[in-house]
Amino acid sequence: MENLGFGLQLMIVGMTTVFLILLIVIYGGKLLIAVVNRIAPEEVAAAKKSIAAKSQSGSEVDASTMAVLSEVVRQITGGKGRVESVRKV
């Protein structure tokens, strides 16, 4: 019975230690993310402008992109598939 009590005590100490270390890792990661975001914030405005400019350039893709897409479809489908039309979404 003495060994059983010692085993349970050791299990509780070990599980508590693992739980506390996991909490430290989680909150340390959140702190690191907050610090990095405060020091070097992501440039959201520039990304939105470039996406908007690309979407207004037209609905069709250029010839080189169409050729690449056609070749990829041909290789994946073993020559059985083909690209009829492509448009930007």
N, C-alpha and C. Protein backbone atom coordinates (compact mmCIF):
# COMPACT_ATOMS: atom_id res chain seq x y z
N MET A 1 0.81 -1.19 0.00
CA MET A 1 0.00 0.00 0.00
C MET A 1 0.86 1.26 0.00
N GLU A 2 2.02 1.13 0.59
CA GLU A 2 2.91 2.29 0.65
C GLU A 2 3.36 2.71 -0.75
N ASN A 3 3.65 1.73 -1.60
CA ASN A 3 4.09 2.03 -2.96
C ASN A 3 2.95 2.63 -3.79
N LEU A 4 1.73 2.20 -3.56
CA LEU A 4 0.59 2.73 -4.29
C LEU A 4 0.38 4.20 -3.96
N GLY A 5 0.47 4.56 -2.71
CA GLY A 5 0.33 5.96 -2.29
C GLY A 5 1.44 6.83 -2.87
N PHE A 6 2.66 6.30 -2.86
CA PHE A 6 3.78 7.05 -3.43
C PHE A 6 3.62 7.20 -4.94
N GLY A 7 3.11 6.17 -5.60
CA GLY A 7 2.88 6.23 -7.03
C GLY A 7 1.82 7.27 -7.40
N LEU A 8 0.74 7.31 -6.64
CA LEU A 8 -0.31 8.31 -6.88
C LEU A 8 0.21 9.72 -6.64
N GLN A 9 0.99 9.89 -5.59
CA GLN A 9 1.56 11.20 -5.30
C GLN A 9 2.50 11.65 -6.42
N LEU A 10 3.32 10.75 -6.89
CA LEU A 10 4.24 11.05 -7.98
C LEU A 10 3.48 11.37 -9.26
N MET A 11 2.38 10.66 -9.54
CA MET A 11 1.57 10.92 -10.72
C MET A 11 0.94 12.31 -10.64
N ILE A 12 0.42 12.68 -9.48
CA ILE A 12 -0.22 13.99 -9.32
C ILE A 12 0.81 15.11 -9.48
N VAL A 13 1.97 14.94 -8.90
CA VAL A 13 3.03 15.96 -9.03
C VAL A 13 3.46 16.07 -10.48
N GLY A 14 3.62 14.95 -11.17
CA GLY A 14 4.04 14.98 -12.57
C GLY A 14 3.00 15.61 -13.47
N MET A 15 1.73 15.27 -13.29
CA MET A 15 0.67 15.84 -14.13
C MET A 15 0.51 17.34 -13.86
N THR A 16 0.65 17.74 -12.62
CA THR A 16 0.57 19.17 -12.28
C THR A 16 1.73 19.93 -12.91
N THR A 17 2.91 19.35 -12.89
CA THR A 17 4.07 19.99 -13.49
C THR A 17 3.87 20.16 -14.99
N VAL A 18 3.40 19.12 -15.67
CA VAL A 18 3.16 19.20 -17.11
C VAL A 18 2.10 20.26 -17.41
N PHE A 19 1.04 20.29 -16.63
CA PHE A 19 -0.03 21.27 -16.83
C PHE A 19 0.51 22.69 -16.67
N LEU A 20 1.30 22.93 -15.65
CA LEU A 20 1.86 24.27 -15.43
C LEU A 20 2.82 24.67 -16.55
N ILE A 21 3.62 23.75 -17.02
CA ILE A 21 4.55 24.06 -18.11
C ILE A 21 3.77 24.37 -19.39
N LEU A 22 2.69 23.64 -19.65
CA LEU A 22 1.87 23.93 -20.82
C LEU A 22 1.22 25.30 -20.71
N LEU A 23 0.78 25.68 -19.52
CA LEU A 23 0.23 27.02 -19.33
C LEU A 23 1.28 28.09 -19.60
N ILE A 24 2.50 27.84 -19.15
CA ILE A 24 3.59 28.80 -19.40
C ILE A 24 3.84 28.92 -20.91
N VAL A 25 3.83 27.82 -21.61
CA VAL A 25 4.06 27.85 -23.06
C VAL A 25 2.94 28.60 -23.76
N ILE A 26 1.69 28.35 -23.38
CA ILE A 26 0.55 29.01 -24.03
C ILE A 26 0.60 30.51 -23.79
N TYR A 27 0.73 30.93 -22.54
CA TYR A 27 0.72 32.37 -22.25
C TYR A 27 2.00 33.05 -22.72
N GLY A 28 3.11 32.33 -22.74
CA GLY A 28 4.34 32.88 -23.31
C GLY A 28 4.20 33.12 -24.80
N GLY A 29 3.54 32.20 -25.50
CA GLY A 29 3.30 32.37 -26.93
C GLY A 29 2.38 33.55 -27.20
N LYS A 30 1.33 33.69 -26.40
CA LYS A 30 0.42 34.82 -26.57
C LYS A 30 1.14 36.14 -26.31
N LEU A 31 2.00 36.16 -25.30
CA LEU A 31 2.77 37.37 -25.00
C LEU A 31 3.72 37.69 -26.14
N LEU A 32 4.38 36.68 -26.68
CA LEU A 32 5.30 36.88 -27.80
C LEU A 32 4.56 37.43 -29.02
N ILE A 33 3.40 36.91 -29.31
CA ILE A 33 2.60 37.40 -30.44
C ILE A 33 2.22 38.86 -30.22
N ALA A 34 1.79 39.19 -29.01
CA ALA A 34 1.39 40.57 -28.72
C ALA A 34 2.57 41.53 -28.85
N VAL A 35 3.75 41.12 -28.38
CA VAL A 35 4.93 41.98 -28.47
C VAL A 35 5.35 42.18 -29.92
N VAL A 36 5.36 41.11 -30.70
CA VAL A 36 5.76 41.22 -32.10
C VAL A 36 4.76 42.07 -32.87
N ASN A 37 3.46 41.91 -32.61
CA ASN A 37 2.46 42.72 -33.28
C ASN A 37 2.56 44.19 -32.89
N ARG A 38 2.99 44.46 -31.69
CA ARG A 38 3.14 45.85 -31.26
C ARG A 38 4.39 46.47 -31.89
N ILE A 39 5.47 45.70 -31.99
CA ILE A 39 6.72 46.23 -32.54
C ILE A 39 6.64 46.37 -34.06
N ALA A 40 6.15 45.34 -34.73
CA ALA A 40 6.09 45.34 -36.19
C ALA A 40 4.70 44.95 -36.65
N PRO A 41 3.75 45.89 -36.66
CA PRO A 41 2.39 45.54 -37.07
C PRO A 41 2.33 45.22 -38.56
N GLU A 42 1.38 44.41 -38.92
CA GLU A 42 1.19 44.01 -40.31
C GLU A 42 0.62 45.18 -41.10
N GLU A 43 1.11 45.36 -42.33
CA GLU A 43 0.65 46.45 -43.17
C GLU A 43 -0.60 45.99 -43.92
N VAL A 44 -1.76 46.26 -43.36
CA VAL A 44 -3.01 45.80 -43.93
C VAL A 44 -3.46 46.70 -45.07
N ALA A 45 -3.26 47.99 -44.96
CA ALA A 45 -3.76 48.93 -45.98
C ALA A 45 -3.09 48.71 -47.33
N ALA A 46 -1.81 48.46 -47.34
CA ALA A 46 -1.09 48.25 -48.60
C ALA A 46 -1.55 46.98 -49.29
N ALA A 47 -1.81 45.94 -48.55
CA ALA A 47 -2.25 44.68 -49.13
C ALA A 47 -3.64 44.83 -49.74
N LYS A 48 -4.53 45.55 -49.09
CA LYS A 48 -5.88 45.72 -49.63
C LYS A 48 -5.86 46.54 -50.91
N LYS A 49 -4.99 47.55 -50.98
CA LYS A 49 -4.91 48.36 -52.18
C LYS A 49 -4.39 47.55 -53.36
N SER A 50 -3.39 46.71 -53.14
CA SER A 50 -2.84 45.93 -54.24
C SER A 50 -3.84 44.88 -54.73
N ILE A 51 -4.60 44.29 -53.82
CA ILE A 51 -5.62 43.32 -54.22
C ILE A 51 -6.72 44.01 -55.01
N ALA A 52 -7.12 45.19 -54.57
CA ALA A 52 -8.16 45.93 -55.28
C ALA A 52 -7.67 46.34 -56.67
N ALA A 53 -6.41 46.73 -56.80
CA ALA A 53 -5.86 47.12 -58.10
C ALA A 53 -5.80 45.92 -59.04
N LYS A 54 -5.46 44.76 -58.53
CA LYS A 54 -5.39 43.57 -59.37
C LYS A 54 -6.78 43.15 -59.84
N SER A 55 -7.77 43.26 -58.98
CA SER A 55 -9.11 42.82 -59.36
C SER A 55 -9.75 43.76 -60.37
N GLN A 56 -9.33 45.02 -60.44
CA GLN A 56 -9.90 45.97 -61.37
C GLN A 56 -9.21 45.95 -62.73
N SER A 57 -8.11 45.19 -62.83
CA SER A 57 -7.34 45.18 -64.08
C SER A 57 -8.04 44.41 -65.19
N GLY A 58 -9.05 43.67 -64.91
CA GLY A 58 -9.77 42.91 -65.93
C GLY A 58 -10.14 41.54 -65.41
N SER A 59 -11.05 40.90 -66.11
CA SER A 59 -11.50 39.61 -65.62
C SER A 59 -10.77 38.45 -66.29
N GLU A 60 -10.03 38.68 -67.35
CA GLU A 60 -9.33 37.62 -68.05
C GLU A 60 -7.87 37.57 -67.61
N VAL A 61 -7.27 36.39 -67.71
CA VAL A 61 -5.86 36.23 -67.38
C VAL A 61 -5.04 36.36 -68.65
N ASP A 62 -3.75 36.65 -68.50
CA ASP A 62 -2.90 36.83 -69.68
C ASP A 62 -2.55 35.47 -70.30
N ALA A 63 -1.92 35.52 -71.46
CA ALA A 63 -1.66 34.31 -72.25
C ALA A 63 -0.67 33.37 -71.55
N SER A 64 0.33 33.92 -70.89
CA SER A 64 1.32 33.05 -70.23
C SER A 64 0.69 32.31 -69.06
N THR A 65 -0.18 32.97 -68.30
CA THR A 65 -0.86 32.30 -67.20
C THR A 65 -1.79 31.22 -67.73
N MET A 66 -2.48 31.50 -68.80
CA MET A 66 -3.37 30.52 -69.41
C MET A 66 -2.59 29.31 -69.90
N ALA A 67 -1.41 29.53 -70.47
CA ALA A 67 -0.58 28.42 -70.94
C ALA A 67 -0.11 27.55 -69.78
N VAL A 68 0.28 28.18 -68.68
CA VAL A 68 0.72 27.43 -67.51
C VAL A 68 -0.43 26.61 -66.94
N LEU A 69 -1.60 27.23 -66.80
CA LEU A 69 -2.75 26.51 -66.27
C LEU A 69 -3.15 25.34 -67.18
N SER A 70 -3.11 25.55 -68.47
CA SER A 70 -3.44 24.47 -69.40
C SER A 70 -2.47 23.31 -69.28
N GLU A 71 -1.18 23.61 -69.15
CA GLU A 71 -0.16 22.57 -69.02
C GLU A 71 -0.32 21.80 -67.72
N VAL A 72 -0.64 22.50 -66.64
CA VAL A 72 -0.84 21.83 -65.35
C VAL A 72 -2.03 20.89 -65.42
N VAL A 73 -3.13 21.36 -65.98
CA VAL A 73 -4.32 20.52 -66.11
C VAL A 73 -4.01 19.32 -67.00
N ARG A 74 -3.27 19.53 -68.08
CA ARG A 74 -2.92 18.43 -68.98
C ARG A 74 -2.09 17.37 -68.26
N GLN A 75 -1.11 17.81 -67.45
CA GLN A 75 -0.26 16.85 -66.74
C GLN A 75 -1.03 16.12 -65.65
N ILE A 76 -1.88 16.82 -64.93
CA ILE A 76 -2.61 16.19 -63.84
C ILE A 76 -3.62 15.18 -64.36
N THR A 77 -4.30 15.53 -65.44
CA THR A 77 -5.34 14.64 -65.96
C THR A 77 -4.81 13.65 -66.99
N GLY A 78 -3.54 13.66 -67.28
CA GLY A 78 -2.97 12.73 -68.25
C GLY A 78 -3.40 13.03 -69.67
N GLY A 79 -3.63 14.29 -69.99
CA GLY A 79 -4.02 14.69 -71.33
C GLY A 79 -5.52 14.61 -71.60
N LYS A 80 -6.31 14.17 -70.63
CA LYS A 80 -7.75 14.02 -70.83
C LYS A 80 -8.51 15.31 -70.52
N GLY A 81 -7.95 16.19 -69.70
CA GLY A 81 -8.64 17.40 -69.32
C GLY A 81 -8.18 18.59 -70.15
N ARG A 82 -9.01 19.62 -70.19
CA ARG A 82 -8.63 20.84 -70.90
C ARG A 82 -9.25 22.05 -70.20
N VAL A 83 -8.65 23.19 -70.40
CA VAL A 83 -9.11 24.43 -69.80
C VAL A 83 -9.87 25.21 -70.87
N GLU A 84 -11.14 25.48 -70.59
CA GLU A 84 -11.95 26.23 -71.56
C GLU A 84 -11.94 27.72 -71.26
N SER A 85 -12.02 28.06 -69.98
CA SER A 85 -12.00 29.48 -69.64
C SER A 85 -11.47 29.66 -68.23
N VAL A 86 -10.86 30.81 -68.02
CA VAL A 86 -10.31 31.14 -66.71
C VAL A 86 -10.68 32.59 -66.43
N ARG A 87 -11.15 32.84 -65.23
CA ARG A 87 -11.43 34.22 -64.86
C ARG A 87 -11.03 34.43 -63.41
N LYS A 88 -10.61 35.64 -63.10
CA LYS A 88 -10.20 35.98 -61.76
C LYS A 88 -11.43 36.19 -60.89
N VAL A 89 -11.34 35.75 -59.67
CA VAL A 89 -12.46 35.89 -58.74
C VAL A 89 -12.15 36.99 -57.76
